[in-house]
């Protein structure tokens, strides 16, 4: 199971993780700060960087306790250490919108 860092620190911008699985263009990590979306809330985006590569995180979704990060570009190898960097402007905009919608409702 993926440790959901976004649950304990919604202001986390960067994190380190290890690639634990792959399927097509998607990978799982042992931990992530990327929110997978749900309940009408869009997922986060950003980048993953590892020794010898960088890829854009195009989509994030949760399935069977794992959080899958769909990448645009090359995939890091299984077991690779990666550094995740969230698109903070997008995350913060979504957080503000989410709060505003709760107030309106």
PDB file of N, CA and C in Angstrom:
ATOM      1  N   UNK A   1       0.826  -1.197   0.000  1.00  0.00           N
ATOM      2  CA  UNK A   1       0.000   0.000   0.000  1.00  0.00           C
ATOM      3  C   UNK A   1       0.862   1.248   0.000  1.00  0.00           C
ATOM      4  N   UNK A   2       0.366   2.254  -0.666  1.00  0.00           N
ATOM      5  CA  UNK A   2       1.072   3.527  -0.768  1.00  0.00           C
ATOM      6  C   UNK A   2       0.794   4.386   0.463  1.00  0.00           C
ATOM      7  N   UNK A   3       1.848   4.927   1.075  1.00  0.00           N
ATOM      8  CA  UNK A   3       1.675   5.865   2.181  1.00  0.00           C
ATOM      9  C   UNK A   3       1.185   7.190   1.597  1.00  0.00           C
ATOM     10  N   UNK A   4       0.062   7.686   2.091  1.00  0.00           N
ATOM     11  CA  UNK A   4      -0.595   8.876   1.549  1.00  0.00           C
ATOM     12  C   UNK A   4      -0.144  10.129   2.303  1.00  0.00           C
ATOM     13  N   UNK A   5       0.956  10.708   1.862  1.00  0.00           N
ATOM     14  CA  UNK A   5       1.537  11.870   2.540  1.00  0.00           C
ATOM     15  C   UNK A   5       0.611  13.078   2.504  1.00  0.00           C
ATOM     16  N   UNK A   6      -0.199  13.215   1.462  1.00  0.00           N
ATOM     17  CA  UNK A   6      -1.117  14.350   1.333  1.00  0.00           C
ATOM     18  C   UNK A   6      -2.169  14.353   2.439  1.00  0.00           C
ATOM     19  N   UNK A   7      -2.394  13.216   3.093  1.00  0.00           N
ATOM     20  CA  UNK A   7      -3.383  13.130   4.163  1.00  0.00           C
ATOM     21  C   UNK A   7      -2.902  13.831   5.442  1.00  0.00           C
ATOM     22  N   UNK A   8      -1.600  13.894   5.641  1.00  0.00           N
ATOM     23  CA  UNK A   8      -1.058  14.488   6.862  1.00  0.00           C
ATOM     24  C   UNK A   8      -0.416  15.856   6.647  1.00  0.00           C
ATOM     25  N   UNK A   9      -0.090  16.202   5.400  1.00  0.00           N
ATOM     26  CA  UNK A   9       0.521  17.505   5.121  1.00  0.00           C
ATOM     27  C   UNK A   9       0.125  17.969   3.720  1.00  0.00           C
ATOM     28  N   UNK A  10      -0.963  18.718   3.627  1.00  0.00           N
ATOM     29  CA  UNK A  10      -1.448  19.171   2.320  1.00  0.00           C
ATOM     30  C   UNK A  10      -0.584  20.279   1.725  1.00  0.00           C
ATOM     31  N   UNK A  11       0.390  20.767   2.486  1.00  0.00           N
ATOM     32  CA  UNK A  11       1.297  21.808   1.995  1.00  0.00           C
ATOM     33  C   UNK A  11       2.657  21.251   1.568  1.00  0.00           C
ATOM     34  N   UNK A  12       2.795  19.930   1.582  1.00  0.00           N
ATOM     35  CA  UNK A  12       4.048  19.300   1.160  1.00  0.00           C
ATOM     36  C   UNK A  12       4.225  19.486  -0.349  1.00  0.00           C
ATOM     37  N   UNK A  13       5.350  20.050  -0.738  1.00  0.00           N
ATOM     38  CA  UNK A  13       5.617  20.317  -2.154  1.00  0.00           C
ATOM     39  C   UNK A  13       6.518  19.272  -2.793  1.00  0.00           C
ATOM     40  N   UNK A  14       7.426  18.689  -2.015  1.00  0.00           N
ATOM     41  CA  UNK A  14       8.392  17.720  -2.523  1.00  0.00           C
ATOM     42  C   UNK A  14       8.458  16.524  -1.588  1.00  0.00           C
ATOM     43  N   UNK A  15       8.808  15.385  -2.145  1.00  0.00           N
ATOM     44  CA  UNK A  15       8.957  14.180  -1.332  1.00  0.00           C
ATOM     45  C   UNK A  15       9.862  13.194  -2.056  1.00  0.00           C
ATOM     46  N   UNK A  16      10.423  12.275  -1.306  1.00  0.00           N
ATOM     47  CA  UNK A  16      11.237  11.198  -1.858  1.00  0.00           C
ATOM     48  C   UNK A  16      10.475   9.893  -1.704  1.00  0.00           C
ATOM     49  N   UNK A  17      10.630   9.004  -2.689  1.00  0.00           N
ATOM     50  CA  UNK A  17       9.916   7.728  -2.666  1.00  0.00           C
ATOM     51  C   UNK A  17      10.700   6.691  -3.458  1.00  0.00           C
ATOM     52  N   UNK A  18      10.197   5.455  -3.432  1.00  0.00           N
ATOM     53  CA  UNK A  18      10.787   4.341  -4.176  1.00  0.00           C
ATOM     54  C   UNK A  18       9.707   3.743  -5.073  1.00  0.00           C
ATOM     55  N   UNK A  19      10.062   3.447  -6.316  1.00  0.00           N
ATOM     56  CA  UNK A  19       9.125   2.838  -7.268  1.00  0.00           C
ATOM     57  C   UNK A  19       8.892   1.384  -6.855  1.00  0.00           C
ATOM     58  N   UNK A  20       7.609   1.027  -6.668  1.00  0.00           N
ATOM     59  CA  UNK A  20       7.269  -0.319  -6.211  1.00  0.00           C
ATOM     60  C   UNK A  20       6.530  -1.154  -7.250  1.00  0.00           C
ATOM     61  N   UNK A  21       6.044  -0.541  -8.320  1.00  0.00           N
ATOM     62  CA  UNK A  21       5.322  -1.294  -9.339  1.00  0.00           C
ATOM     63  C   UNK A  21       5.172  -0.492 -10.615  1.00  0.00           C
ATOM     64  N   UNK A  22       4.856  -1.205 -11.703  1.00  0.00           N
ATOM     65  CA  UNK A  22       4.649  -0.550 -12.994  1.00  0.00           C
ATOM     66  C   UNK A  22       3.627  -1.331 -13.802  1.00  0.00           C
ATOM     67  N   UNK A  23       2.842  -0.587 -14.588  1.00  0.00           N
ATOM     68  CA  UNK A  23       1.857  -1.184 -15.486  1.00  0.00           C
ATOM     69  C   UNK A  23       1.616  -0.198 -16.618  1.00  0.00           C
ATOM     70  N   UNK A  24       2.086  -0.522 -17.809  1.00  0.00           N
ATOM     71  CA  UNK A  24       1.971   0.415 -18.931  1.00  0.00           C
ATOM     72  C   UNK A  24       2.762   1.672 -18.641  1.00  0.00           C
ATOM     73  N   UNK A  25       2.104   2.831 -18.694  1.00  0.00           N
ATOM     74  CA  UNK A  25       2.763   4.113 -18.423  1.00  0.00           C
ATOM     75  C   UNK A  25       2.572   4.565 -16.981  1.00  0.00           C
ATOM     76  N   UNK A  26       2.065   3.690 -16.105  1.00  0.00           N
ATOM     77  CA  UNK A  26       1.791   4.069 -14.719  1.00  0.00           C
ATOM     78  C   UNK A  26       2.711   3.327 -13.758  1.00  0.00           C
ATOM     79  N   UNK A  27       3.054   4.010 -12.665  1.00  0.00           N
ATOM     80  CA  UNK A  27       3.890   3.400 -11.627  1.00  0.00           C
ATOM     81  C   UNK A  27       3.244   3.616 -10.261  1.00  0.00           C
ATOM     82  N   UNK A  28       3.620   2.767  -9.311  1.00  0.00           N
ATOM     83  CA  UNK A  28       3.253   2.969  -7.914  1.00  0.00           C
ATOM     84  C   UNK A  28       4.514   3.291  -7.140  1.00  0.00           C
ATOM     85  N   UNK A  29       4.324   4.021  -6.053  1.00  0.00           N
ATOM     86  CA  UNK A  29       5.421   4.416  -5.185  1.00  0.00           C
ATOM     87  C   UNK A  29       5.116   3.947  -3.766  1.00  0.00           C
ATOM     88  N   UNK A  30       6.155   3.821  -2.944  1.00  0.00           N
ATOM     89  CA  UNK A  30       5.910   3.421  -1.555  1.00  0.00           C
ATOM     90  C   UNK A  30       5.233   4.528  -0.761  1.00  0.00           C
ATOM     91  N   UNK A  31       5.365   5.785  -1.243  1.00  0.00           N
ATOM     92  CA  UNK A  31       4.739   6.938  -0.583  1.00  0.00           C
ATOM     93  C   UNK A  31       4.549   8.036  -1.622  1.00  0.00           C
ATOM     94  N   UNK A  32       3.531   8.870  -1.428  1.00  0.00           N
ATOM     95  CA  UNK A  32       3.299   9.956  -2.380  1.00  0.00           C
ATOM     96  C   UNK A  32       2.592  11.133  -1.733  1.00  0.00           C
ATOM     97  N   UNK A  33       2.890  12.333  -2.246  1.00  0.00           N
ATOM     98  CA  UNK A  33       2.174  13.542  -1.849  1.00  0.00           C
ATOM     99  C   UNK A  33       1.194  13.950  -2.942  1.00  0.00           C
ATOM    100  N   UNK A  34       1.179  13.232  -4.072  1.00  0.00           N
ATOM    101  CA  UNK A  34       0.240  13.525  -5.153  1.00  0.00           C
ATOM    102  C   UNK A  34      -1.154  13.038  -4.766  1.00  0.00           C
ATOM    103  N   UNK A  35      -2.114  13.963  -4.724  1.00  0.00           N
ATOM    104  CA  UNK A  35      -3.502  13.600  -4.417  1.00  0.00           C
ATOM    105  C   UNK A  35      -4.113  12.921  -5.645  1.00  0.00           C
ATOM    106  N   UNK A  36      -4.752  11.741  -5.454  1.00  0.00           N
ATOM    107  CA  UNK A  36      -5.264  10.994  -6.593  1.00  0.00           C
ATOM    108  C   UNK A  36      -6.614  11.455  -7.124  1.00  0.00           C
ATOM    109  N   UNK A  37      -7.180  12.451  -6.540  1.00  0.00           N
ATOM    110  CA  UNK A  37      -8.494  12.885  -6.989  1.00  0.00           C
ATOM    111  C   UNK A  37      -9.574  12.011  -6.387  1.00  0.00           C
ATOM    112  N   UNK A  38     -10.791  12.498  -6.439  1.00  0.00           N
ATOM    113  CA  UNK A  38     -11.919  11.743  -5.913  1.00  0.00           C
ATOM    114  C   UNK A  38     -12.982  12.674  -5.382  1.00  0.00           C
ATOM    115  N   UNK A  39     -14.222  12.215  -5.447  1.00  0.00           N
ATOM    116  CA  UNK A  39     -15.335  13.020  -4.956  1.00  0.00           C
ATOM    117  C   UNK A  39     -15.490  14.325  -5.705  1.00  0.00           C
ATOM    118  N   UNK A  40     -15.116  14.344  -6.971  1.00  0.00           N
ATOM    119  CA  UNK A  40     -15.206  15.560  -7.774  1.00  0.00           C
ATOM    120  C   UNK A  40     -13.966  16.428  -7.728  1.00  0.00           C
ATOM    121  N   UNK A  41     -13.032  16.107  -6.849  1.00  0.00           N
ATOM    122  CA  UNK A  41     -11.790  16.876  -6.735  1.00  0.00           C
ATOM    123  C   UNK A  41     -10.770  16.324  -7.728  1.00  0.00           C
ATOM    124  N   UNK A  42     -10.205  17.166  -8.612  1.00  0.00           N
ATOM    125  CA  UNK A  42      -9.204  16.686  -9.573  1.00  0.00           C
ATOM    126  C   UNK A  42      -7.907  16.235  -8.900  1.00  0.00           C
ATOM    127  N   UNK A  43      -7.150  15.435  -9.597  1.00  0.00           N
ATOM    128  CA  UNK A  43      -5.863  14.953  -9.082  1.00  0.00           C
ATOM    129  C   UNK A  43      -4.788  16.018  -9.242  1.00  0.00           C
ATOM    130  N   UNK A  44      -3.688  15.815  -8.508  1.00  0.00           N
ATOM    131  CA  UNK A  44      -2.522  16.686  -8.627  1.00  0.00           C
ATOM    132  C   UNK A  44      -1.739  16.353  -9.885  1.00  0.00           C
ATOM    133  N   UNK A  45      -0.842  17.250 -10.241  1.00  0.00           N
ATOM    134  CA  UNK A  45       0.120  17.006 -11.314  1.00  0.00           C
ATOM    135  C   UNK A  45       1.468  17.527 -10.849  1.00  0.00           C
ATOM    136  N   UNK A  46       2.506  17.238 -11.625  1.00  0.00           N
ATOM    137  CA  UNK A  46       3.850  17.668 -11.265  1.00  0.00           C
ATOM    138  C   UNK A  46       4.882  16.838 -11.998  1.00  0.00           C
ATOM    139  N   UNK A  47       6.026  16.600 -11.355  1.00  0.00           N
ATOM    140  CA  UNK A  47       7.096  15.823 -11.987  1.00  0.00           C
ATOM    141  C   UNK A  47       7.688  14.816 -11.014  1.00  0.00           C
ATOM    142  N   UNK A  48       8.249  13.767 -11.589  1.00  0.00           N
ATOM    143  CA  UNK A  48       9.074  12.813 -10.854  1.00  0.00           C
ATOM    144  C   UNK A  48      10.452  12.846 -11.495  1.00  0.00           C
ATOM    145  N   UNK A  49      11.489  12.908 -10.668  1.00  0.00           N
ATOM    146  CA  UNK A  49      12.867  12.944 -11.145  1.00  0.00           C
ATOM    147  C   UNK A  49      13.637  11.809 -10.485  1.00  0.00           C
ATOM    148  N   UNK A  50      14.507  11.172 -11.252  1.00  0.00           N
ATOM    149  CA  UNK A  50      15.363  10.108 -10.739  1.00  0.00           C
ATOM    150  C   UNK A  50      16.693  10.204 -11.465  1.00  0.00           C
ATOM    151  N   UNK A  51      17.673   9.455 -11.022  1.00  0.00           N
ATOM    152  CA  UNK A  51      18.971   9.474 -11.664  1.00  0.00           C
ATOM    153  C   UNK A  51      18.806   9.085 -13.130  1.00  0.00           C
ATOM    154  N   UNK A  52      19.096  10.008 -14.013  1.00  0.00           N
ATOM    155  CA  UNK A  52      19.007   9.740 -15.446  1.00  0.00           C
ATOM    156  C   UNK A  52      17.677  10.043 -16.084  1.00  0.00           C
ATOM    157  N   UNK A  53      16.713  10.631 -15.352  1.00  0.00           N
ATOM    158  CA  UNK A  53      15.433  10.909 -15.997  1.00  0.00           C
ATOM    159  C   UNK A  53      14.490  11.797 -15.213  1.00  0.00           C
ATOM    160  N   UNK A  54      13.536  12.350 -15.950  1.00  0.00           N
ATOM    161  CA  UNK A  54      12.455  13.163 -15.403  1.00  0.00           C
ATOM    162  C   UNK A  54      11.219  12.904 -16.244  1.00  0.00           C
ATOM    163  N   UNK A  55      10.049  12.852 -15.599  1.00  0.00           N
ATOM    164  CA  UNK A  55       8.797  12.667 -16.330  1.00  0.00           C
ATOM    165  C   UNK A  55       7.697  13.493 -15.677  1.00  0.00           C
ATOM    166  N   UNK A  56       6.781  13.954 -16.505  1.00  0.00           N
ATOM    167  CA  UNK A  56       5.600  14.662 -16.018  1.00  0.00           C
ATOM    168  C   UNK A  56       4.594  13.666 -15.471  1.00  0.00           C
ATOM    169  N   UNK A  57       3.996  13.992 -14.344  1.00  0.00           N
ATOM    170  CA  UNK A  57       2.910  13.185 -13.787  1.00  0.00           C
ATOM    171  C   UNK A  57       1.630  13.731 -14.408  1.00  0.00           C
ATOM    172  N   UNK A  58       1.039  12.949 -15.313  1.00  0.00           N
ATOM    173  CA  UNK A  58      -0.118  13.399 -16.081  1.00  0.00           C
ATOM    174  C   UNK A  58      -1.442  13.094 -15.378  1.00  0.00           C
ATOM    175  N   UNK A  59      -1.489  11.981 -14.648  1.00  0.00           N
ATOM    176  CA  UNK A  59      -2.714  11.588 -13.955  1.00  0.00           C
ATOM    177  C   UNK A  59      -2.340  10.774 -12.721  1.00  0.00           C
ATOM    178  N   UNK A  60      -3.161  10.883 -11.690  1.00  0.00           N
ATOM    179  CA  UNK A  60      -2.960  10.123 -10.463  1.00  0.00           C
ATOM    180  C   UNK A  60      -4.312   9.538 -10.069  1.00  0.00           C
ATOM    181  N   UNK A  61      -4.350   8.229  -9.800  1.00  0.00           N
ATOM    182  CA  UNK A  61      -5.615   7.612  -9.380  1.00  0.00           C
ATOM    183  C   UNK A  61      -5.346   6.520  -8.355  1.00  0.00           C
ATOM    184  N   UNK A  62      -6.357   6.253  -7.553  1.00  0.00           N
ATOM    185  CA  UNK A  62      -6.238   5.242  -6.504  1.00  0.00           C
ATOM    186  C   UNK A  62      -7.031   4.007  -6.917  1.00  0.00           C
ATOM    187  N   UNK A  63      -6.372   2.840  -6.825  1.00  0.00           N
ATOM    188  CA  UNK A  63      -7.006   1.566  -7.144  1.00  0.00           C
ATOM    189  C   UNK A  63      -6.505   0.515  -6.178  1.00  0.00           C
ATOM    190  N   UNK A  64      -7.431  -0.151  -5.494  1.00  0.00           N
ATOM    191  CA  UNK A  64      -7.106  -1.264  -4.588  1.00  0.00           C
ATOM    192  C   UNK A  64      -5.983  -0.929  -3.601  1.00  0.00           C
ATOM    193  N   UNK A  65      -6.060   0.253  -2.991  1.00  0.00           N
ATOM    194  CA  UNK A  65      -5.082   0.636  -1.977  1.00  0.00           C
ATOM    195  C   UNK A  65      -3.768   1.171  -2.504  1.00  0.00           C
ATOM    196  N   UNK A  66      -3.582   1.137  -3.809  1.00  0.00           N
ATOM    197  CA  UNK A  66      -2.358   1.675  -4.421  1.00  0.00           C
ATOM    198  C   UNK A  66      -2.688   2.968  -5.158  1.00  0.00           C
ATOM    199  N   UNK A  67      -1.735   3.870  -5.189  1.00  0.00           N
ATOM    200  CA  UNK A  67      -1.899   5.111  -5.939  1.00  0.00           C
ATOM    201  C   UNK A  67      -1.015   5.024  -7.172  1.00  0.00           C
ATOM    202  N   UNK A  68      -1.657   5.090  -8.332  1.00  0.00           N
ATOM    203  CA  UNK A  68      -0.974   4.949  -9.619  1.00  0.00           C
ATOM    204  C   UNK A  68      -0.713   6.316 -10.220  1.00  0.00           C
ATOM    205  N   UNK A  69       0.523   6.549 -10.611  1.00  0.00           N
ATOM    206  CA  UNK A  69       0.968   7.800 -11.224  1.00  0.00           C
ATOM    207  C   UNK A  69       1.212   7.521 -12.704  1.00  0.00           C
ATOM    208  N   UNK A  70       0.375   8.065 -13.572  1.00  0.00           N
ATOM    209  CA  UNK A  70       0.566   7.901 -15.009  1.00  0.00           C
ATOM    210  C   UNK A  70       1.543   8.974 -15.478  1.00  0.00           C
ATOM    211  N   UNK A  71       2.614   8.531 -16.135  1.00  0.00           N
ATOM    212  CA  UNK A  71       3.684   9.442 -16.540  1.00  0.00           C
ATOM    213  C   UNK A  71       3.669   9.693 -18.039  1.00  0.00           C
ATOM    214  N   UNK A  72       4.022  10.912 -18.410  1.00  0.00           N
ATOM    215  CA  UNK A  72       4.218  11.277 -19.813  1.00  0.00           C
ATOM    216  C   UNK A  72       5.726  11.260 -20.034  1.00  0.00           C
ATOM    217  N   UNK A  73       6.207  10.222 -20.675  1.00  0.00           N
ATOM    218  CA  UNK A  73       7.646  10.083 -20.890  1.00  0.00           C
ATOM    219  C   UNK A  73       8.146   8.751 -20.385  1.00  0.00           C
ATOM    220  N   UNK A  74       9.451   8.664 -20.233  1.00  0.00           N
ATOM    221  CA  UNK A  74      10.069   7.426 -19.768  1.00  0.00           C
ATOM    222  C   UNK A  74       9.691   7.132 -18.324  1.00  0.00           C
ATOM    223  N   UNK A  75       9.721   5.832 -17.976  1.00  0.00           N
ATOM    224  CA  UNK A  75       9.439   5.406 -16.608  1.00  0.00           C
ATOM    225  C   UNK A  75      10.740   5.111 -15.872  1.00  0.00           C
ATOM    226  N   UNK A  76      10.778   5.403 -14.579  1.00  0.00           N
ATOM    227  CA  UNK A  76      11.947   4.992 -13.797  1.00  0.00           C
ATOM    228  C   UNK A  76      11.893   3.478 -13.583  1.00  0.00           C
ATOM    229  N   UNK A  77      13.030   2.830 -13.394  1.00  0.00           N
ATOM    230  CA  UNK A  77      13.028   1.380 -13.153  1.00  0.00           C
ATOM    231  C   UNK A  77      12.465   1.028 -11.775  1.00  0.00           C
ATOM    232  N   UNK A  78      11.983  -0.193 -11.636  1.00  0.00           N
ATOM    233  CA  UNK A  78      11.513  -0.676 -10.335  1.00  0.00           C
ATOM    234  C   UNK A  78      12.637  -0.554  -9.317  1.00  0.00           C
ATOM    235  N   UNK A  79      12.313  -0.114  -8.129  1.00  0.00           N
ATOM    236  CA  UNK A  79      13.298   0.044  -7.074  1.00  0.00           C
ATOM    237  C   UNK A  79      14.038   1.368  -7.096  1.00  0.00           C
ATOM    238  N   UNK A  80      13.819   2.176  -8.144  1.00  0.00           N
ATOM    239  CA  UNK A  80      14.517   3.465  -8.250  1.00  0.00           C
ATOM    240  C   UNK A  80      14.009   4.440  -7.193  1.00  0.00           C
ATOM    241  N   UNK A  81      14.921   5.256  -6.696  1.00  0.00           N
ATOM    242  CA  UNK A  81      14.548   6.346  -5.799  1.00  0.00           C
ATOM    243  C   UNK A  81      14.156   7.528  -6.670  1.00  0.00           C
ATOM    244  N   UNK A  82      12.986   8.111  -6.385  1.00  0.00           N
ATOM    245  CA  UNK A  82      12.502   9.255  -7.150  1.00  0.00           C
ATOM    246  C   UNK A  82      12.237  10.427  -6.213  1.00  0.00           C
ATOM    247  N   UNK A  83      12.254  11.598  -6.799  1.00  0.00           N
ATOM    248  CA  UNK A  83      11.879  12.825  -6.075  1.00  0.00           C
ATOM    249  C   UNK A  83      10.650  13.383  -6.760  1.00  0.00           C
ATOM    250  N   UNK A  84       9.575  13.538  -5.999  1.00  0.00           N
ATOM    251  CA  UNK A  84       8.341  14.101  -6.537  1.00  0.00           C
ATOM    252  C   UNK A  84       8.264  15.586  -6.249  1.00  0.00           C
ATOM    253  N   UNK A  85       7.788  16.331  -7.231  1.00  0.00           N
ATOM    254  CA  UNK A  85       7.595  17.768  -7.088  1.00  0.00           C
ATOM    255  C   UNK A  85       6.200  18.106  -7.607  1.00  0.00           C
ATOM    256  N   UNK A  86       5.340  18.582  -6.709  1.00  0.00           N
ATOM    257  CA  UNK A  86       3.981  18.927  -7.096  1.00  0.00           C
ATOM    258  C   UNK A  86       3.936  20.262  -7.818  1.00  0.00           C
ATOM    259  N   UNK A  87       2.974  20.391  -8.724  1.00  0.00           N
ATOM    260  CA  UNK A  87       2.669  21.675  -9.341  1.00  0.00           C
ATOM    261  C   UNK A  87       1.910  22.463  -8.277  1.00  0.00           C
ATOM    262  N   UNK A  88       2.636  23.276  -7.493  1.00  0.00           N
ATOM    263  CA  UNK A  88       2.057  23.943  -6.345  1.00  0.00           C
ATOM    264  C   UNK A  88       0.963  24.934  -6.725  1.00  0.00           C
ATOM    265  N   UNK A  89       1.136  25.667  -7.801  1.00  0.00           N
ATOM    266  CA  UNK A  89       0.115  26.636  -8.198  1.00  0.00           C
ATOM    267  C   UNK A  89      -1.213  25.937  -8.434  1.00  0.00           C
ATOM    268  N   UNK A  90      -1.178  24.799  -9.110  1.00  0.00           N
ATOM    269  CA  UNK A  90      -2.401  24.029  -9.360  1.00  0.00           C
ATOM    270  C   UNK A  90      -2.975  23.510  -8.041  1.00  0.00           C
ATOM    271  N   UNK A  91      -2.154  22.890  -7.194  1.00  0.00           N
ATOM    272  CA  UNK A  91      -2.620  22.337  -5.915  1.00  0.00           C
ATOM    273  C   UNK A  91      -3.282  23.412  -5.078  1.00  0.00           C
ATOM    274  N   UNK A  92      -2.632  24.566  -4.952  1.00  0.00           N
ATOM    275  CA  UNK A  92      -3.159  25.621  -4.091  1.00  0.00           C
ATOM    276  C   UNK A  92      -4.466  26.180  -4.647  1.00  0.00           C
ATOM    277  N   UNK A  93      -4.534  26.332  -5.961  1.00  0.00           N
ATOM    278  CA  UNK A  93      -5.763  26.805  -6.608  1.00  0.00           C
ATOM    279  C   UNK A  93      -6.919  25.818  -6.341  1.00  0.00           C
ATOM    280  N   UNK A  94      -6.634  24.517  -6.449  1.00  0.00           N
ATOM    281  CA  UNK A  94      -7.658  23.504  -6.185  1.00  0.00           C
ATOM    282  C   UNK A  94      -8.080  23.501  -4.714  1.00  0.00           C
ATOM    283  N   UNK A  95      -7.126  23.698  -3.815  1.00  0.00           N
ATOM    284  CA  UNK A  95      -7.458  23.759  -2.389  1.00  0.00           C
ATOM    285  C   UNK A  95      -8.392  24.929  -2.095  1.00  0.00           C
ATOM    286  N   UNK A  96      -8.090  26.095  -2.669  1.00  0.00           N
ATOM    287  CA  UNK A  96      -8.934  27.277  -2.446  1.00  0.00           C
ATOM    288  C   UNK A  96     -10.324  27.074  -3.039  1.00  0.00           C
ATOM    289  N   UNK A  97     -10.391  26.501  -4.230  1.00  0.00           N
ATOM    290  CA  UNK A  97     -11.674  26.236  -4.875  1.00  0.00           C
ATOM    291  C   UNK A  97     -12.502  25.251  -4.049  1.00  0.00           C
ATOM    292  N   UNK A  98     -11.849  24.208  -3.549  1.00  0.00           N
ATOM    293  CA  UNK A  98     -12.518  23.198  -2.731  1.00  0.00           C
ATOM    294  C   UNK A  98     -13.161  23.849  -1.488  1.00  0.00           C
ATOM    295  N   UNK A  99     -12.399  24.687  -0.824  1.00  0.00           N
ATOM    296  CA  UNK A  99     -12.910  25.368   0.369  1.00  0.00           C
ATOM    297  C   UNK A  99     -14.064  26.295   0.013  1.00  0.00           C
ATOM    298  N   UNK A 100     -13.914  27.048  -1.058  1.00  0.00           N
ATOM    299  CA  UNK A 100     -14.973  27.981  -1.484  1.00  0.00           C
ATOM    300  C   UNK A 100     -16.271  27.240  -1.797  1.00  0.00           C
ATOM    301  N   UNK A 101     -16.167  26.078  -2.424  1.00  0.00           N
ATOM    302  CA  UNK A 101     -17.378  25.315  -2.749  1.00  0.00           C
ATOM    303  C   UNK A 101     -18.073  24.810  -1.485  1.00  0.00           C
ATOM    304  N   UNK A 102     -17.299  24.447  -0.462  1.00  0.00           N
ATOM    305  CA  UNK A 102     -17.904  24.033   0.812  1.00  0.00           C
ATOM    306  C   UNK A 102     -18.659  25.206   1.432  1.00  0.00           C
ATOM    307  N   UNK A 103     -18.087  26.392   1.363  1.00  0.00           N
ATOM    308  CA  UNK A 103     -18.744  27.576   1.925  1.00  0.00           C
ATOM    309  C   UNK A 103     -20.046  27.888   1.186  1.00  0.00           C
ATOM    310  N   UNK A 104     -20.013  27.792  -0.144  1.00  0.00           N
ATOM    311  CA  UNK A 104     -21.214  28.078  -0.939  1.00  0.00           C
ATOM    312  C   UNK A 104     -22.327  27.052  -0.687  1.00  0.00           C
ATOM    313  N   UNK A 105     -21.921  25.808  -0.473  1.00  0.00           N
ATOM    314  CA  UNK A 105     -22.937  24.775  -0.266  1.00  0.00           C
ATOM    315  C   UNK A 105     -23.516  24.860   1.115  1.00  0.00           C
TER     316      UNK A 105
END
